[in-house]
Amino acid sequence: MIEVCLGTACFVRGSGMLLERLEEQIGVTAGETDKNMQFTLRTVRCIGCCALAPAMRIDGVTFGKVKLDKVLDILEQFP
């Protein structure tokens, strides 16, 4: 489960673009599961990590200050 925070702090700091990058990398849009049943992508309003914006969570592991060029590296940690 990949959760992308779209709360105010995260959105202002680029979580919309982060969501787009994840959609490209995984091949699904928010609310869908990839065909390999590996990732489900969803959006949330706040994960409580405003100081780490933009933030996302994968299977309970929080990633903060996520840079777009690091998205693939993060995804590869979850085979």
PDB file of N, CA and C in Angstrom:
ATOM      1  N   MET A   1       0.837  -1.168   0.000  1.00  0.00           N
ATOM      2  CA  MET A   1       0.000   0.000   0.000  1.00  0.00           C
ATOM      3  C   MET A   1       0.885   1.234   0.000  1.00  0.00           C
ATOM      4  N   ILE A   2       0.705   2.065  -1.003  1.00  0.00           N
ATOM      5  CA  ILE A   2       1.430   3.331  -1.077  1.00  0.00           C
ATOM      6  C   ILE A   2       0.433   4.440  -0.812  1.00  0.00           C
ATOM      7  N   GLU A   3       0.720   5.254   0.188  1.00  0.00           N
ATOM      8  CA  GLU A   3      -0.131   6.389   0.519  1.00  0.00           C
ATOM      9  C   GLU A   3       0.651   7.666   0.281  1.00  0.00           C
ATOM     10  N   VAL A   4       0.098   8.547  -0.523  1.00  0.00           N
ATOM     11  CA  VAL A   4       0.718   9.833  -0.804  1.00  0.00           C
ATOM     12  C   VAL A   4      -0.080  10.901  -0.069  1.00  0.00           C
ATOM     13  N   CYS A   5       0.596  11.687   0.741  1.00  0.00           N
ATOM     14  CA  CYS A   5      -0.072  12.734   1.495  1.00  0.00           C
ATOM     15  C   CYS A   5      -0.362  13.920   0.581  1.00  0.00           C
ATOM     16  N   LEU A   6      -1.625  14.335   0.576  1.00  0.00           N
ATOM     17  CA  LEU A   6      -2.020  15.524  -0.179  1.00  0.00           C
ATOM     18  C   LEU A   6      -2.504  16.630   0.763  1.00  0.00           C
ATOM     19  N   GLY A   7      -2.053  16.565   2.022  1.00  0.00           N
ATOM     20  CA  GLY A   7      -2.354  17.636   2.966  1.00  0.00           C
ATOM     21  C   GLY A   7      -1.705  18.927   2.502  1.00  0.00           C
ATOM     22  N   THR A   8      -2.080  20.021   3.109  1.00  0.00           N
ATOM     23  CA  THR A   8      -1.630  21.342   2.654  1.00  0.00           C
ATOM     24  C   THR A   8      -0.113  21.456   2.579  1.00  0.00           C
ATOM     25  N   ALA A   9       0.590  21.112   3.643  1.00  0.00           N
ATOM     26  CA  ALA A   9       2.054  21.260   3.645  1.00  0.00           C
ATOM     27  C   ALA A   9       2.697  20.410   2.553  1.00  0.00           C
ATOM     28  N   CYS A  10       2.255  19.164   2.436  1.00  0.00           N
ATOM     29  CA  CYS A  10       2.827  18.278   1.420  1.00  0.00           C
ATOM     30  C   CYS A  10       2.480  18.753   0.014  1.00  0.00           C
ATOM     31  N   PHE A  11       1.238  19.177  -0.181  1.00  0.00           N
ATOM     32  CA  PHE A  11       0.834  19.604  -1.517  1.00  0.00           C
ATOM     33  C   PHE A  11       1.622  20.831  -1.962  1.00  0.00           C
ATOM     34  N   VAL A  12       1.791  21.785  -1.055  1.00  0.00           N
ATOM     35  CA  VAL A  12       2.556  22.993  -1.376  1.00  0.00           C
ATOM     36  C   VAL A  12       3.994  22.651  -1.732  1.00  0.00           C
ATOM     37  N   ARG A  13       4.510  21.585  -1.132  1.00  0.00           N
ATOM     38  CA  ARG A  13       5.902  21.190  -1.378  1.00  0.00           C
ATOM     39  C   ARG A  13       6.044  20.113  -2.453  1.00  0.00           C
ATOM     40  N   GLY A  14       4.978  19.875  -3.222  1.00  0.00           N
ATOM     41  CA  GLY A  14       5.134  19.041  -4.412  1.00  0.00           C
ATOM     42  C   GLY A  14       4.553  17.648  -4.385  1.00  0.00           C
ATOM     43  N   SER A  15       3.661  17.339  -3.455  1.00  0.00           N
ATOM     44  CA  SER A  15       3.135  15.973  -3.427  1.00  0.00           C
ATOM     45  C   SER A  15       2.251  15.659  -4.631  1.00  0.00           C
ATOM     46  N   GLY A  16       1.697  16.674  -5.267  1.00  0.00           N
ATOM     47  CA  GLY A  16       0.938  16.435  -6.501  1.00  0.00           C
ATOM     48  C   GLY A  16       1.841  15.868  -7.588  1.00  0.00           C
ATOM     49  N   MET A  17       3.029  16.438  -7.709  1.00  0.00           N
ATOM     50  CA  MET A  17       3.998  15.934  -8.685  1.00  0.00           C
ATOM     51  C   MET A  17       4.521  14.560  -8.264  1.00  0.00           C
ATOM     52  N   LEU A  18       4.657  14.352  -6.964  1.00  0.00           N
ATOM     53  CA  LEU A  18       5.068  13.045  -6.448  1.00  0.00           C
ATOM     54  C   LEU A  18       4.041  11.983  -6.828  1.00  0.00           C
ATOM     55  N   LEU A  19       2.778  12.300  -6.676  1.00  0.00           N
ATOM     56  CA  LEU A  19       1.710  11.374  -7.060  1.00  0.00           C
ATOM     57  C   LEU A  19       1.788  11.053  -8.555  1.00  0.00           C
ATOM     58  N   GLU A  20       1.984  12.066  -9.368  1.00  0.00           N
ATOM     59  CA  GLU A  20       2.103  11.848 -10.821  1.00  0.00           C
ATOM     60  C   GLU A  20       3.275  10.933 -11.149  1.00  0.00           C
ATOM     61  N   ARG A  21       4.411  11.134 -10.490  1.00  0.00           N
ATOM     62  CA  ARG A  21       5.593  10.299 -10.737  1.00  0.00           C
ATOM     63  C   ARG A  21       5.313   8.850 -10.336  1.00  0.00           C
ATOM     64  N   LEU A  22       4.668   8.657  -9.196  1.00  0.00           N
ATOM     65  CA  LEU A  22       4.316   7.303  -8.764  1.00  0.00           C
ATOM     66  C   LEU A  22       3.358   6.650  -9.753  1.00  0.00           C
ATOM     67  N   GLU A  23       2.387   7.394 -10.231  1.00  0.00           N
ATOM     68  CA  GLU A  23       1.449   6.850 -11.216  1.00  0.00           C
ATOM     69  C   GLU A  23       2.183   6.403 -12.471  1.00  0.00           C
ATOM     70  N   GLU A  24       3.163   7.187 -12.899  1.00  0.00           N
ATOM     71  CA  GLU A  24       3.963   6.822 -14.076  1.00  0.00           C
ATOM     72  C   GLU A  24       4.783   5.557 -13.807  1.00  0.00           C
ATOM     73  N   GLN A  25       5.445   5.506 -12.663  1.00  0.00           N
ATOM     74  CA  GLN A  25       6.335   4.397 -12.347  1.00  0.00           C
ATOM     75  C   GLN A  25       5.575   3.085 -12.148  1.00  0.00           C
ATOM     76  N   ILE A  26       4.418   3.168 -11.513  1.00  0.00           N
ATOM     77  CA  ILE A  26       3.656   1.964 -11.204  1.00  0.00           C
ATOM     78  C   ILE A  26       2.700   1.588 -12.326  1.00  0.00           C
ATOM     79  N   GLY A  27       2.239   2.584 -13.067  1.00  0.00           N
ATOM     80  CA  GLY A  27       1.328   2.322 -14.174  1.00  0.00           C
ATOM     81  C   GLY A  27      -0.138   2.278 -13.772  1.00  0.00           C
ATOM     82  N   VAL A  28      -0.471   2.926 -12.669  1.00  0.00           N
ATOM     83  CA  VAL A  28      -1.861   3.002 -12.206  1.00  0.00           C
ATOM     84  C   VAL A  28      -2.156   4.431 -11.759  1.00  0.00           C
ATOM     85  N   THR A  29      -3.433   4.724 -11.571  1.00  0.00           N
ATOM     86  CA  THR A  29      -3.807   6.000 -10.982  1.00  0.00           C
ATOM     87  C   THR A  29      -4.233   5.759  -9.535  1.00  0.00           C
ATOM     88  N   ALA A  30      -4.351   6.832  -8.788  1.00  0.00           N
ATOM     89  CA  ALA A  30      -4.724   6.718  -7.376  1.00  0.00           C
ATOM     90  C   ALA A  30      -6.029   5.939  -7.232  1.00  0.00           C
ATOM     91  N   GLY A  31      -6.029   4.995  -6.304  1.00  0.00           N
ATOM     92  CA  GLY A  31      -7.191   4.156  -6.071  1.00  0.00           C
ATOM     93  C   GLY A  31      -7.126   2.813  -6.777  1.00  0.00           C
ATOM     94  N   GLU A  32      -6.053   2.577  -7.523  1.00  0.00           N
ATOM     95  CA  GLU A  32      -5.918   1.330  -8.283  1.00  0.00           C
ATOM     96  C   GLU A  32      -4.743   0.494  -7.767  1.00  0.00           C
ATOM     97  N   THR A  33      -4.759  -0.773  -8.140  1.00  0.00           N
ATOM     98  CA  THR A  33      -3.678  -1.709  -7.838  1.00  0.00           C
ATOM     99  C   THR A  33      -3.028  -2.109  -9.154  1.00  0.00           C
ATOM    100  N   ASP A  34      -1.708  -2.216  -9.164  1.00  0.00           N
ATOM    101  CA  ASP A  34      -1.014  -2.590 -10.399  1.00  0.00           C
ATOM    102  C   ASP A  34      -1.347  -4.027 -10.793  1.00  0.00           C
ATOM    103  N   LYS A  35      -1.084  -4.367 -12.043  1.00  0.00           N
ATOM    104  CA  LYS A  35      -1.480  -5.690 -12.554  1.00  0.00           C
ATOM    105  C   LYS A  35      -0.733  -6.837 -11.891  1.00  0.00           C
ATOM    106  N   ASN A  36       0.437  -6.565 -11.296  1.00  0.00           N
ATOM    107  CA  ASN A  36       1.181  -7.602 -10.580  1.00  0.00           C
ATOM    108  C   ASN A  36       0.706  -7.763  -9.139  1.00  0.00           C
ATOM    109  N   MET A  37      -0.264  -6.963  -8.751  1.00  0.00           N
ATOM    110  CA  MET A  37      -0.818  -6.976  -7.392  1.00  0.00           C
ATOM    111  C   MET A  37       0.262  -6.663  -6.343  1.00  0.00           C
ATOM    112  N   GLN A  38       1.256  -5.870  -6.736  1.00  0.00           N
ATOM    113  CA  GLN A  38       2.339  -5.515  -5.825  1.00  0.00           C
ATOM    114  C   GLN A  38       2.035  -4.214  -5.081  1.00  0.00           C
ATOM    115  N   PHE A  39       1.512  -3.222  -5.800  1.00  0.00           N
ATOM    116  CA  PHE A  39       1.278  -1.912  -5.211  1.00  0.00           C
ATOM    117  C   PHE A  39      -0.163  -1.463  -5.413  1.00  0.00           C
ATOM    118  N   THR A  40      -0.731  -0.899  -4.356  1.00  0.00           N
ATOM    119  CA  THR A  40      -1.989  -0.177  -4.446  1.00  0.00           C
ATOM    120  C   THR A  40      -1.652   1.261  -4.100  1.00  0.00           C
ATOM    121  N   LEU A  41      -2.058   2.184  -4.946  1.00  0.00           N
ATOM    122  CA  LEU A  41      -1.738   3.592  -4.766  1.00  0.00           C
ATOM    123  C   LEU A  41      -2.981   4.328  -4.298  1.00  0.00           C
ATOM    124  N   ARG A  42      -2.835   5.084  -3.225  1.00  0.00           N
ATOM    125  CA  ARG A  42      -3.965   5.877  -2.749  1.00  0.00           C
ATOM    126  C   ARG A  42      -3.471   7.199  -2.188  1.00  0.00           C
ATOM    127  N   THR A  43      -4.370   8.135  -2.085  1.00  0.00           N
ATOM    128  CA  THR A  43      -4.039   9.427  -1.504  1.00  0.00           C
ATOM    129  C   THR A  43      -4.685   9.538  -0.133  1.00  0.00           C
ATOM    130  N   VAL A  44      -4.035  10.284   0.728  1.00  0.00           N
ATOM    131  CA  VAL A  44      -4.569  10.560   2.062  1.00  0.00           C
ATOM    132  C   VAL A  44      -4.442  12.064   2.303  1.00  0.00           C
ATOM    133  N   ARG A  45      -5.236  12.572   3.213  1.00  0.00           N
ATOM    134  CA  ARG A  45      -5.232  14.011   3.487  1.00  0.00           C
ATOM    135  C   ARG A  45      -4.090  14.443   4.386  1.00  0.00           C
ATOM    136  N   CYS A  46      -3.651  13.584   5.280  1.00  0.00           N
ATOM    137  CA  CYS A  46      -2.520  13.933   6.138  1.00  0.00           C
ATOM    138  C   CYS A  46      -2.005  12.668   6.809  1.00  0.00           C
ATOM    139  N   ILE A  47      -0.681  12.521   6.826  1.00  0.00           N
ATOM    140  CA  ILE A  47      -0.100  11.388   7.555  1.00  0.00           C
ATOM    141  C   ILE A  47       0.656  11.874   8.787  1.00  0.00           C
ATOM    142  N   GLY A  48       0.521  13.157   9.087  1.00  0.00           N
ATOM    143  CA  GLY A  48       1.096  13.703  10.316  1.00  0.00           C
ATOM    144  C   GLY A  48       2.581  13.968  10.273  1.00  0.00           C
ATOM    145  N   CYS A  49       3.117  14.151   9.084  1.00  0.00           N
ATOM    146  CA  CYS A  49       4.557  14.398   8.939  1.00  0.00           C
ATOM    147  C   CYS A  49       4.797  15.704   8.195  1.00  0.00           C
ATOM    148  N   CYS A  50       4.088  16.744   8.581  1.00  0.00           N
ATOM    149  CA  CYS A  50       4.140  18.008   7.847  1.00  0.00           C
ATOM    150  C   CYS A  50       5.556  18.573   7.725  1.00  0.00           C
ATOM    151  N   ALA A  51       6.371  18.371   8.738  1.00  0.00           N
ATOM    152  CA  ALA A  51       7.747  18.869   8.695  1.00  0.00           C
ATOM    153  C   ALA A  51       8.594  18.102   7.684  1.00  0.00           C
ATOM    154  N   LEU A  52       8.117  16.931   7.240  1.00  0.00           N
ATOM    155  CA  LEU A  52       8.852  16.108   6.280  1.00  0.00           C
ATOM    156  C   LEU A  52       8.280  16.203   4.869  1.00  0.00           C
ATOM    157  N   ALA A  53       7.437  17.183   4.634  1.00  0.00           N
ATOM    158  CA  ALA A  53       6.748  17.309   3.353  1.00  0.00           C
ATOM    159  C   ALA A  53       7.722  17.466   2.189  1.00  0.00           C
ATOM    160  N   PRO A  54       7.394  16.859   1.045  1.00  0.00           N
ATOM    161  CA  PRO A  54       6.275  15.964   0.782  1.00  0.00           C
ATOM    162  C   PRO A  54       6.574  14.564   1.312  1.00  0.00           C
ATOM    163  N   ALA A  55       5.538  13.944   1.836  1.00  0.00           N
ATOM    164  CA  ALA A  55       5.712  12.642   2.471  1.00  0.00           C
ATOM    165  C   ALA A  55       4.820  11.586   1.828  1.00  0.00           C
ATOM    166  N   MET A  56       5.282  10.347   1.928  1.00  0.00           N
ATOM    167  CA  MET A  56       4.480   9.209   1.489  1.00  0.00           C
ATOM    168  C   MET A  56       4.789   8.044   2.418  1.00  0.00           C
ATOM    169  N   ARG A  57       3.921   7.058   2.399  1.00  0.00           N
ATOM    170  CA  ARG A  57       4.088   5.896   3.264  1.00  0.00           C
ATOM    171  C   ARG A  57       3.882   4.648   2.418  1.00  0.00           C
ATOM    172  N   ILE A  58       4.785   3.674   2.567  1.00  0.00           N
ATOM    173  CA  ILE A  58       4.650   2.396   1.881  1.00  0.00           C
ATOM    174  C   ILE A  58       4.662   1.303   2.940  1.00  0.00           C
ATOM    175  N   ASP A  59       3.579   0.556   3.012  1.00  0.00           N
ATOM    176  CA  ASP A  59       3.450  -0.530   3.988  1.00  0.00           C
ATOM    177  C   ASP A  59       3.855  -0.096   5.397  1.00  0.00           C
ATOM    178  N   GLY A  60       3.446   1.103   5.776  1.00  0.00           N
ATOM    179  CA  GLY A  60       3.714   1.591   7.123  1.00  0.00           C
ATOM    180  C   GLY A  60       5.048   2.281   7.311  1.00  0.00           C
ATOM    181  N   VAL A  61       5.895   2.280   6.291  1.00  0.00           N
ATOM    182  CA  VAL A  61       7.198   2.946   6.361  1.00  0.00           C
ATOM    183  C   VAL A  61       7.054   4.336   5.755  1.00  0.00           C
ATOM    184  N   THR A  62       7.387   5.358   6.527  1.00  0.00           N
ATOM    185  CA  THR A  62       7.225   6.734   6.078  1.00  0.00           C
ATOM    186  C   THR A  62       8.494   7.246   5.420  1.00  0.00           C
ATOM    187  N   PHE A  63       8.313   7.925   4.297  1.00  0.00           N
ATOM    188  CA  PHE A  63       9.403   8.561   3.571  1.00  0.00           C
ATOM    189  C   PHE A  63       9.102  10.046   3.506  1.00  0.00           C
ATOM    190  N   GLY A  64      10.051  10.866   3.941  1.00  0.00           N
ATOM    191  CA  GLY A  64       9.850  12.306   3.954  1.00  0.00           C
ATOM    192  C   GLY A  64      10.822  13.030   3.052  1.00  0.00           C
ATOM    193  N   LYS A  65      10.437  14.263   2.727  1.00  0.00           N
ATOM    194  CA  LYS A  65      11.231  15.120   1.840  1.00  0.00           C
ATOM    195  C   LYS A  65      11.604  14.360   0.571  1.00  0.00           C
ATOM    196  N   VAL A  66      10.609  13.682   0.007  1.00  0.00           N
ATOM    197  CA  VAL A  66      10.821  12.812  -1.146  1.00  0.00           C
ATOM    198  C   VAL A  66      11.107  13.639  -2.397  1.00  0.00           C
ATOM    199  N   LYS A  67      12.215  13.344  -3.020  1.00  0.00           N
ATOM    200  CA  LYS A  67      12.595  13.982  -4.288  1.00  0.00           C
ATOM    201  C   LYS A  67      12.109  13.103  -5.435  1.00  0.00           C
ATOM    202  N   LEU A  68      11.651  13.728  -6.494  1.00  0.00           N
ATOM    203  CA  LEU A  68      11.095  12.985  -7.627  1.00  0.00           C
ATOM    204  C   LEU A  68      12.091  11.997  -8.216  1.00  0.00           C
ATOM    205  N   ASP A  69      13.365  12.373  -8.236  1.00  0.00           N
ATOM    206  CA  ASP A  69      14.362  11.477  -8.834  1.00  0.00           C
ATOM    207  C   ASP A  69      14.707  10.294  -7.919  1.00  0.00           C
ATOM    208  N   LYS A  70      14.145  10.240  -6.726  1.00  0.00           N
ATOM    209  CA  LYS A  70      14.401   9.129  -5.800  1.00  0.00           C
ATOM    210  C   LYS A  70      13.222   8.155  -5.710  1.00  0.00           C
ATOM    211  N   VAL A  71      12.133   8.436  -6.418  1.00  0.00           N
ATOM    212  CA  VAL A  71      10.933   7.596  -6.322  1.00  0.00           C
ATOM    213  C   VAL A  71      11.232   6.153  -6.718  1.00  0.00           C
ATOM    214  N   LEU A  72      11.905   5.942  -7.822  1.00  0.00           N
ATOM    215  CA  LEU A  72      12.201   4.585  -8.270  1.00  0.00           C
ATOM    216  C   LEU A  72      13.084   3.859  -7.254  1.00  0.00           C
ATOM    217  N   ASP A  73      14.069   4.548  -6.680  1.00  0.00           N
ATOM    218  CA  ASP A  73      14.923   3.942  -5.657  1.00  0.00           C
ATOM    219  C   ASP A  73      14.101   3.491  -4.452  1.00  0.00           C
ATOM    220  N   ILE A  74      13.128   4.295  -4.062  1.00  0.00           N
ATOM    221  CA  ILE A  74      12.261   3.940  -2.932  1.00  0.00           C
ATOM    222  C   ILE A  74      11.417   2.721  -3.281  1.00  0.00           C
ATOM    223  N   LEU A  75      10.815   2.712  -4.455  1.00  0.00           N
ATOM    224  CA  LEU A  75       9.982   1.595  -4.861  1.00  0.00           C
ATOM    225  C   LEU A  75      10.753   0.280  -4.919  1.00  0.00           C
ATOM    226  N   GLU A  76      12.011   0.348  -5.323  1.00  0.00           N
ATOM    227  CA  GLU A  76      12.831  -0.854  -5.432  1.00  0.00           C
ATOM    228  C   GLU A  76      13.145  -1.486  -4.084  1.00  0.00           C
ATOM    229  N   GLN A  77      12.897  -0.772  -2.992  1.00  0.00           N
ATOM    230  CA  GLN A  77      13.099  -1.330  -1.657  1.00  0.00           C
ATOM    231  C   GLN A  77      11.974  -2.293  -1.281  1.00  0.00           C
ATOM    232  N   PHE A  78      10.913  -2.350  -2.115  1.00  0.00           N
ATOM    233  CA  PHE A  78       9.753  -3.181  -1.833  1.00  0.00           C
ATOM    234  C   PHE A  78       9.508  -4.141  -2.993  1.00  0.00           C
ATOM    235  N   PRO A  79      10.300  -5.228  -3.047  1.00  0.00           N
ATOM    236  CA  PRO A  79      10.193  -6.164  -4.189  1.00  0.00           C
ATOM    237  C   PRO A  79       8.908  -6.965  -4.213  1.00  0.00           C
TER     238      PRO A  79
END
